[in-house]
Amino acid sequence: MSLEFPRQIDHRPVLPVLLGALPNDLVKSDSIVPIGAEDGRLIVGVLDSCDDEVLAKVRFICNRELKVVVVTEGAMDYAIQRYLAK
């Protein structure tokens, strides 16, 4: 896992390849959103990069390595709204 800190979540539409990457209930309950893909890894935005349980769950669900990006609460709220509006 790699960690990038911090990152802005921009106003581009959610990439079609990311839609459905994570279950909606997981996105809402654990404040984690897919925001991109790079070199076979799923880039996820999180509020807490130390929550190993959530990150392990996402790696298992996606069967991919993760690149973790810490985002602000405002950016997370915006990203969750965009993701769930799919």
C-alpha atoms as a PDB file:
ATOM      1  CA  MET A   1       0.000   0.000   0.000  1.00  0.00           C
ATOM      2  CA  SER A   2       1.216   3.478  -0.736  1.00  0.00           C
ATOM      3  CA  LEU A   3       0.048   6.671   0.928  1.00  0.00           C
ATOM      4  CA  GLU A   4      -0.320  10.082  -0.615  1.00  0.00           C
ATOM      5  CA  PHE A   5      -1.163  13.089   1.526  1.00  0.00           C
ATOM      6  CA  PRO A   6      -3.116  15.330   0.929  1.00  0.00           C
ATOM      7  CA  ARG A   7      -5.018  15.347  -2.332  1.00  0.00           C
ATOM      8  CA  GLN A   8      -7.813  17.396  -3.784  1.00  0.00           C
ATOM      9  CA  ILE A   9     -10.806  15.614  -5.236  1.00  0.00           C
ATOM     10  CA  ASP A  10     -11.757  17.525  -8.335  1.00  0.00           C
ATOM     11  CA  HIS A  11     -15.065  18.057 -10.102  1.00  0.00           C
ATOM     12  CA  ARG A  12     -14.570  15.595 -12.949  1.00  0.00           C
ATOM     13  CA  PRO A  13     -17.228  12.895 -13.282  1.00  0.00           C
ATOM     14  CA  VAL A  14     -16.587   9.569 -11.576  1.00  0.00           C
ATOM     15  CA  LEU A  15     -14.830   7.269 -14.046  1.00  0.00           C
ATOM     16  CA  PRO A  16     -17.118   4.480 -15.305  1.00  0.00           C
ATOM     17  CA  VAL A  17     -14.508   1.868 -14.335  1.00  0.00           C
ATOM     18  CA  LEU A  18     -14.820   3.018 -10.705  1.00  0.00           C
ATOM     19  CA  LEU A  19     -18.592   2.818 -10.507  1.00  0.00           C
ATOM     20  CA  GLY A  20     -19.461  -0.209  -8.460  1.00  0.00           C
ATOM     21  CA  ALA A  21     -15.857  -0.766  -7.344  1.00  0.00           C
ATOM     22  CA  LEU A  22     -17.030  -0.567  -3.745  1.00  0.00           C
ATOM     23  CA  PRO A  23     -20.440  -1.295  -2.215  1.00  0.00           C
ATOM     24  CA  ASN A  24     -22.433   1.842  -1.368  1.00  0.00           C
ATOM     25  CA  ASP A  25     -22.863   0.842   2.271  1.00  0.00           C
ATOM     26  CA  LEU A  26     -19.083   0.503   2.681  1.00  0.00           C
ATOM     27  CA  VAL A  27     -18.506   3.891   1.046  1.00  0.00           C
ATOM     28  CA  LYS A  28     -20.961   5.551   3.451  1.00  0.00           C
ATOM     29  CA  SER A  29     -20.128   3.689   6.656  1.00  0.00           C
ATOM     30  CA  ASP A  30     -16.342   3.748   6.339  1.00  0.00           C
ATOM     31  CA  SER A  31     -15.859   7.037   4.462  1.00  0.00           C
ATOM     32  CA  ILE A  32     -13.782   5.540   1.674  1.00  0.00           C
ATOM     33  CA  VAL A  33     -14.237   6.291  -2.024  1.00  0.00           C
ATOM     34  CA  PRO A  34     -12.537   5.102  -5.191  1.00  0.00           C
ATOM     35  CA  ILE A  35     -11.071   8.141  -6.934  1.00  0.00           C
ATOM     36  CA  GLY A  36      -8.868   6.614  -9.597  1.00  0.00           C
ATOM     37  CA  ALA A  37      -6.703   3.748 -10.760  1.00  0.00           C
ATOM     38  CA  GLU A  38      -2.981   3.650 -11.404  1.00  0.00           C
ATOM     39  CA  ASP A  39      -0.641   0.799 -12.330  1.00  0.00           C
ATOM     40  CA  GLY A  40      -3.277  -1.790 -11.428  1.00  0.00           C
ATOM     41  CA  ARG A  41      -3.915  -0.251  -8.021  1.00  0.00           C
ATOM     42  CA  LEU A  42      -7.188   1.292  -6.913  1.00  0.00           C
ATOM     43  CA  ILE A  43      -6.724   4.837  -5.619  1.00  0.00           C
ATOM     44  CA  VAL A  44      -9.003   5.393  -2.636  1.00  0.00           C
ATOM     45  CA  GLY A  45      -9.725   8.555  -0.721  1.00  0.00           C
ATOM     46  CA  VAL A  46      -9.956   8.159   3.062  1.00  0.00           C
ATOM     47  CA  LEU A  47     -10.208  10.294   6.165  1.00  0.00           C
ATOM     48  CA  ASP A  48      -8.151   7.893   8.309  1.00  0.00           C
ATOM     49  CA  SER A  49      -5.203   6.205   6.611  1.00  0.00           C
ATOM     50  CA  CYS A  50      -4.486   4.193   9.781  1.00  0.00           C
ATOM     51  CA  ASP A  51      -7.723   2.186   9.689  1.00  0.00           C
ATOM     52  CA  ASP A  52      -6.107  -1.092   8.647  1.00  0.00           C
ATOM     53  CA  GLU A  53      -9.350  -3.047   9.064  1.00  0.00           C
ATOM     54  CA  VAL A  54     -11.177  -0.956   6.451  1.00  0.00           C
ATOM     55  CA  LEU A  55      -8.225  -0.996   4.065  1.00  0.00           C
ATOM     56  CA  ALA A  56      -7.892  -4.776   4.372  1.00  0.00           C
ATOM     57  CA  LYS A  57     -11.626  -5.147   3.703  1.00  0.00           C
ATOM     58  CA  VAL A  58     -11.368  -3.003   0.565  1.00  0.00           C
ATOM     59  CA  ARG A  59      -8.303  -4.909  -0.694  1.00  0.00           C
ATOM     60  CA  PHE A  60     -10.233  -8.157  -0.216  1.00  0.00           C
ATOM     61  CA  ILE A  61     -13.407  -6.891  -1.936  1.00  0.00           C
ATOM     62  CA  CYS A  62     -11.504  -5.438  -4.900  1.00  0.00           C
ATOM     63  CA  ASN A  63      -8.758  -8.039  -5.026  1.00  0.00           C
ATOM     64  CA  ARG A  64      -6.298  -5.222  -5.804  1.00  0.00           C
ATOM     65  CA  GLU A  65      -3.569  -3.307  -4.099  1.00  0.00           C
ATOM     66  CA  LEU A  66      -4.490   0.186  -2.955  1.00  0.00           C
ATOM     67  CA  LYS A  67      -2.999   3.624  -3.189  1.00  0.00           C
ATOM     68  CA  VAL A  68      -4.396   5.518  -0.219  1.00  0.00           C
ATOM     69  CA  VAL A  69      -4.999   9.255  -0.383  1.00  0.00           C
ATOM     70  CA  VAL A  70      -5.968  11.251   2.700  1.00  0.00           C
ATOM     71  CA  VAL A  71      -8.664  13.829   1.939  1.00  0.00           C
ATOM     72  CA  THR A  72     -10.494  16.490   3.934  1.00  0.00           C
ATOM     73  CA  GLU A  73     -13.974  15.897   5.347  1.00  0.00           C
ATOM     74  CA  GLY A  74     -15.456  18.343   2.839  1.00  0.00           C
ATOM     75  CA  ALA A  75     -13.772  16.576  -0.057  1.00  0.00           C
ATOM     76  CA  MET A  76     -14.962  13.208   1.283  1.00  0.00           C
ATOM     77  CA  ASP A  77     -18.569  14.401   1.566  1.00  0.00           C
ATOM     78  CA  TYR A  78     -18.415  15.706  -2.001  1.00  0.00           C
ATOM     79  CA  ALA A  79     -16.850  12.484  -3.313  1.00  0.00           C
ATOM     80  CA  ILE A  80     -19.404  10.276  -1.549  1.00  0.00           C
ATOM     81  CA  GLN A  81     -22.268  12.322  -3.014  1.00  0.00           C
ATOM     82  CA  ARG A  82     -20.777  11.963  -6.513  1.00  0.00           C
ATOM     83  CA  TYR A  83     -20.122   8.245  -6.093  1.00  0.00           C
ATOM     84  CA  LEU A  84     -23.585   7.474  -4.753  1.00  0.00           C
ATOM     85  CA  ALA A  85     -25.229   9.530  -7.514  1.00  0.00           C
ATOM     86  CA  LYS A  86     -24.041   7.003 -10.096  1.00  0.00           C
END
